[in-house]
Amino acid sequence: MGPPFKYSTEEERIRARKTNQNKYTMKNWECQICNCIIRLGNKTNHLNSLKHRNKVFGADAEPWSCSDCDIEIQLHNKSNLVKSAGHIRNATNDDN
C-alpha cells in the first residue's frame, strides 16, 4: 500500500501547491549579463526584455577581451571560445 494522503481535500492540496509556487517565485535570481537581481517569477520576462536583449546582442553589449587569442568578442560567446580548439592551442602555447 502507498503512503497515506497528505491532504484530506483537493482544495487543501491546491492551496498548498499555490503557496509553494509563491514562495519559489519570490526567490532572487541574478542576471550576470545585466548585473541585476530580480525575482524568479519575473526571470522569463527579463530574459525576453529589450534591455536584456540589447546587452546580449546589441549596442549595449560590452566586448570581452581574450589575451590568449588577442581578440574581442561578445560576453555571451565567451564560453564557446574557451572550449574551442583554437583557444586551447593559444593558451597552451603561451604557457610554454
C-alpha atoms as a PDB file:
ATOM      1  CA  MET A   1       0.000   0.000   0.000  1.00  0.00           C
ATOM      2  CA  GLY A   2       1.079   3.561  -0.633  1.00  0.00           C
ATOM      3  CA  PRO A   3       1.594   6.238   1.968  1.00  0.00           C
ATOM      4  CA  PRO A   4      -1.472   7.945   3.416  1.00  0.00           C
ATOM      5  CA  PHE A   5      -2.735  11.048   1.660  1.00  0.00           C
ATOM      6  CA  LYS A   6      -1.110  14.268   2.810  1.00  0.00           C
ATOM      7  CA  TYR A   7      -4.215  16.396   2.224  1.00  0.00           C
ATOM      8  CA  SER A   8      -7.765  15.442   3.059  1.00  0.00           C
ATOM      9  CA  THR A   9      -9.375  17.504   0.293  1.00  0.00           C
ATOM     10  CA  GLU A  10      -8.496  18.687  -3.185  1.00  0.00           C
ATOM     11  CA  GLU A  11      -8.840  22.329  -2.078  1.00  0.00           C
ATOM     12  CA  GLU A  12      -6.135  21.851   0.599  1.00  0.00           C
ATOM     13  CA  ARG A  13      -3.795  20.314  -1.983  1.00  0.00           C
ATOM     14  CA  ILE A  14      -4.339  23.178  -4.437  1.00  0.00           C
ATOM     15  CA  ARG A  15      -3.880  25.801  -1.695  1.00  0.00           C
ATOM     16  CA  ALA A  16      -0.615  24.164  -0.563  1.00  0.00           C
ATOM     17  CA  ARG A  17       0.681  23.982  -4.154  1.00  0.00           C
ATOM     18  CA  LYS A  18      -0.082  27.676  -4.761  1.00  0.00           C
ATOM     19  CA  THR A  19       1.650  28.599  -1.507  1.00  0.00           C
ATOM     20  CA  ASN A  20       4.783  26.686  -2.537  1.00  0.00           C
ATOM     21  CA  GLN A  21       4.727  28.280  -6.013  1.00  0.00           C
ATOM     22  CA  ASN A  22       4.503  31.747  -4.460  1.00  0.00           C
ATOM     23  CA  LYS A  23       7.460  31.017  -2.172  1.00  0.00           C
ATOM     24  CA  TYR A  24       9.535  29.832  -5.151  1.00  0.00           C
ATOM     25  CA  THR A  25       8.752  32.830  -7.350  1.00  0.00           C
ATOM     26  CA  MET A  26       9.758  35.259  -4.585  1.00  0.00           C
ATOM     27  CA  LYS A  27      13.345  33.952  -4.516  1.00  0.00           C
ATOM     28  CA  ASN A  28      16.007  36.190  -6.061  1.00  0.00           C
ATOM     29  CA  TRP A  29      17.852  35.455  -9.309  1.00  0.00           C
ATOM     30  CA  GLU A  30      20.870  37.378 -10.612  1.00  0.00           C
ATOM     31  CA  CYS A  31      21.297  38.140 -14.301  1.00  0.00           C
ATOM     32  CA  GLN A  32      25.040  38.001 -14.978  1.00  0.00           C
ATOM     33  CA  ILE A  33      24.713  39.995 -18.204  1.00  0.00           C
ATOM     34  CA  CYS A  34      22.640  42.922 -16.890  1.00  0.00           C
ATOM     35  CA  ASN A  35      24.167  42.733 -13.408  1.00  0.00           C
ATOM     36  CA  CYS A  36      20.753  42.987 -11.754  1.00  0.00           C
ATOM     37  CA  ILE A  37      18.804  40.920  -9.241  1.00  0.00           C
ATOM     38  CA  ILE A  38      15.180  40.072  -9.970  1.00  0.00           C
ATOM     39  CA  ARG A  39      12.610  37.624  -8.637  1.00  0.00           C
ATOM     40  CA  LEU A  40      12.453  34.157 -10.188  1.00  0.00           C
ATOM     41  CA  GLY A  41       8.840  34.802 -11.130  1.00  0.00           C
ATOM     42  CA  ASN A  42       9.994  37.608 -13.460  1.00  0.00           C
ATOM     43  CA  LYS A  43      13.006  35.777 -14.928  1.00  0.00           C
ATOM     44  CA  THR A  44      11.374  34.891 -18.264  1.00  0.00           C
ATOM     45  CA  ASN A  45      10.040  38.412 -18.709  1.00  0.00           C
ATOM     46  CA  HIS A  46      13.510  39.824 -18.034  1.00  0.00           C
ATOM     47  CA  LEU A  47      15.242  37.434 -20.444  1.00  0.00           C
ATOM     48  CA  ASN A  48      12.814  38.486 -23.187  1.00  0.00           C
ATOM     49  CA  SER A  49      13.065  42.204 -22.356  1.00  0.00           C
ATOM     50  CA  LEU A  50      14.560  44.731 -24.743  1.00  0.00           C
ATOM     51  CA  LYS A  51      17.075  45.842 -22.119  1.00  0.00           C
ATOM     52  CA  HIS A  52      18.465  42.326 -21.693  1.00  0.00           C
ATOM     53  CA  ARG A  53      18.452  41.503 -25.413  1.00  0.00           C
ATOM     54  CA  ASN A  54      20.301  44.733 -26.242  1.00  0.00           C
ATOM     55  CA  LYS A  55      23.002  43.877 -23.734  1.00  0.00           C
ATOM     56  CA  VAL A  56      23.368  40.373 -25.142  1.00  0.00           C
ATOM     57  CA  PHE A  57      23.172  41.101 -28.862  1.00  0.00           C
ATOM     58  CA  GLY A  58      23.057  44.833 -29.378  1.00  0.00           C
ATOM     59  CA  ALA A  59      24.928  48.064 -28.952  1.00  0.00           C
ATOM     60  CA  ASP A  60      24.883  47.910 -25.149  1.00  0.00           C
ATOM     61  CA  ALA A  61      26.902  44.696 -25.112  1.00  0.00           C
ATOM     62  CA  GLU A  62      30.385  45.160 -23.716  1.00  0.00           C
ATOM     63  CA  PRO A  63      33.098  43.195 -25.519  1.00  0.00           C
ATOM     64  CA  TRP A  64      35.248  40.694 -23.666  1.00  0.00           C
ATOM     65  CA  SER A  65      38.967  40.534 -24.485  1.00  0.00           C
ATOM     66  CA  CYS A  66      40.826  37.252 -24.677  1.00  0.00           C
ATOM     67  CA  SER A  67      44.513  37.867 -24.057  1.00  0.00           C
ATOM     68  CA  ASP A  68      45.488  34.410 -25.362  1.00  0.00           C
ATOM     69  CA  CYS A  69      43.742  34.796 -28.731  1.00  0.00           C
ATOM     70  CA  ASP A  70      44.191  38.595 -28.927  1.00  0.00           C
ATOM     71  CA  ILE A  71      40.543  39.167 -29.912  1.00  0.00           C
ATOM     72  CA  GLU A  72      37.442  40.888 -28.549  1.00  0.00           C
ATOM     73  CA  ILE A  73      34.123  39.020 -28.581  1.00  0.00           C
ATOM     74  CA  GLN A  74      30.664  39.428 -27.073  1.00  0.00           C
ATOM     75  CA  LEU A  75      30.435  38.201 -23.498  1.00  0.00           C
ATOM     76  CA  HIS A  76      27.729  35.643 -24.329  1.00  0.00           C
ATOM     77  CA  ASN A  77      30.213  33.896 -26.683  1.00  0.00           C
ATOM     78  CA  LYS A  78      32.928  33.562 -24.033  1.00  0.00           C
ATOM     79  CA  SER A  79      32.033  30.001 -23.009  1.00  0.00           C
ATOM     80  CA  ASN A  80      32.139  28.840 -26.647  1.00  0.00           C
ATOM     81  CA  LEU A  81      35.553  30.427 -27.222  1.00  0.00           C
ATOM     82  CA  VAL A  82      37.074  28.972 -24.063  1.00  0.00           C
ATOM     83  CA  LYS A  83      36.030  25.464 -25.178  1.00  0.00           C
ATOM     84  CA  SER A  84      37.315  25.908 -28.743  1.00  0.00           C
ATOM     85  CA  ALA A  85      40.410  24.118 -30.010  1.00  0.00           C
ATOM     86  CA  GLY A  86      41.986  27.378 -31.207  1.00  0.00           C
ATOM     87  CA  HIS A  87      41.748  28.975 -27.778  1.00  0.00           C
ATOM     88  CA  ILE A  88      43.122  25.896 -26.037  1.00  0.00           C
ATOM     89  CA  ARG A  89      46.020  25.812 -28.512  1.00  0.00           C
ATOM     90  CA  ASN A  90      46.751  29.517 -27.959  1.00  0.00           C
ATOM     91  CA  ALA A  91      46.528  29.169 -24.184  1.00  0.00           C
ATOM     92  CA  THR A  92      48.926  26.220 -24.093  1.00  0.00           C
ATOM     93  CA  ASN A  93      51.384  27.954 -26.453  1.00  0.00           C
ATOM     94  CA  ASP A  94      51.557  30.944 -24.124  1.00  0.00           C
ATOM     95  CA  ASP A  95      52.423  28.699 -21.179  1.00  0.00           C
ATOM     96  CA  ASN A  96      55.434  27.144 -22.933  1.00  0.00           C
END
